[in-house]
Protein backbone atom coordinates (compact mmCIF):
# COMPACT_ATOMS: atom_id res chain seq x y z
CA MET A 1 116.57 89.05 107.61
CA ILE A 2 114.12 91.51 105.95
CA LYS A 3 111.31 89.51 106.60
CA LYS A 4 111.97 89.05 110.35
CA LEU A 5 112.76 92.74 110.68
CA PHE A 6 109.36 93.69 108.50
CA LEU A 7 107.50 91.47 111.24
CA SER A 8 108.90 92.93 113.99
CA SER A 9 108.38 96.48 113.24
CA PHE A 10 104.62 95.43 112.25
CA ILE A 11 104.33 93.76 115.75
CA TYR A 12 106.19 96.70 117.67
CA PHE A 13 104.14 99.23 115.67
CA THR A 14 100.27 97.68 116.16
CA PHE A 15 100.94 96.85 119.90
CA PHE A 16 102.82 99.88 121.05
CA LEU A 17 101.76 102.56 118.65
CA PRO A 18 97.92 101.75 118.27
CA ASP A 19 96.80 104.84 116.67
CA ILE A 20 98.95 103.76 113.66
CA ALA A 21 96.98 100.66 113.22
CA LEU A 22 93.34 102.42 113.65
CA ALA A 23 91.13 102.11 110.58
CA CYS A 24 90.55 105.13 108.61
CA ALA A 25 87.84 108.10 109.39
CA THR A 26 84.98 105.65 107.13
CA CYS A 27 85.78 102.93 109.60
CA PHE A 28 86.93 104.73 112.51
CA GLY A 29 85.55 108.17 113.32
CA ASP A 30 82.51 110.40 113.41
CA PRO A 31 79.86 108.73 111.46
CA ASN A 32 78.09 112.23 110.89
CA ALA A 33 81.14 114.27 109.58
CA ALA A 34 80.97 115.18 105.79
CA ALA A 35 84.56 113.67 105.20
CA THR A 36 82.79 110.15 106.15
CA GLN A 37 79.26 110.42 104.52
CA GLY A 38 81.44 111.36 101.48
CA MET A 39 83.75 108.72 102.03
CA ASN A 40 80.97 106.02 102.10
CA LYS A 41 79.13 107.76 99.03
CA ALA A 42 82.51 106.80 97.00
CA ILE A 43 82.79 103.30 98.49
CA ILE A 44 79.41 102.76 97.47
CA THR A 45 79.76 103.90 94.28
CA MET A 46 83.11 102.46 93.24
CA LEU A 47 81.64 99.11 94.61
CA GLY A 48 78.31 99.49 92.19
CA ILE A 49 80.82 99.95 89.25
CA THR A 50 82.76 97.41 89.84
CA GLY A 51 80.14 95.02 90.39
CA GLY A 52 78.19 96.06 87.02
CA VAL A 53 81.16 95.70 85.17
CA LEU A 54 82.07 92.08 86.90
CA SER A 55 78.28 91.11 85.92
CA GLY A 56 78.81 92.34 82.55
CA VAL A 57 82.08 90.42 82.10
CA GLY A 58 80.12 87.08 83.71
CA SER A 59 76.92 87.31 81.44
CA SER A 60 79.32 87.88 78.15
CA ILE A 61 80.88 84.67 79.40
CA TYR A 62 77.65 83.12 80.01
CA ILE A 63 76.40 84.12 76.58
CA LEU A 64 78.89 83.29 74.68
CA ASN A 65 79.24 79.51 76.42
CA ARG A 66 75.43 79.28 75.28
CA ARG A 67 76.29 80.06 72.01
CA SER A 68 79.00 77.77 71.52
CA LYS A 69 77.12 74.81 72.75
CA LYS A 70 74.01 75.79 70.39
CA TYR A 71 76.41 76.15 67.62
CA TYR A 72 78.10 72.72 68.46
CA ASN A 73 74.74 71.13 68.60
CA SER A 74 73.69 72.20 65.14
CA LEU A 75 76.97 71.28 63.99
CA SER A 76 76.43 67.81 65.41
CA GLN A 77 73.33 67.38 63.85
CA GLU A 78 74.25 68.46 60.45
CA GLU A 79 76.90 65.78 60.42
CA LYS A 80 74.16 63.26 61.57
CA SER A 81 71.79 64.23 58.45
CA ILE A 82 74.82 63.97 56.46
CA GLU A 83 75.63 60.67 57.21
CA GLU A 84 71.92 59.29 57.04
């Protein structure tokens, strides 16, 4: 019941009141406005910070994976030398 109400109200507002469904000032507005330029810079900054943090986490995982493989190989070589 709630899903039907939500879906029907979404469709109603989207088709009959399209002003509500328009994008924000960054996507749909005056590209030369100061607020739009500030929002664009804020979005680029946030994407840069997020990308930097995610790349740091990814590189840490890669480095730890490489170190664990190197350590595993050194252990297996020590076991072979002990057996001989």
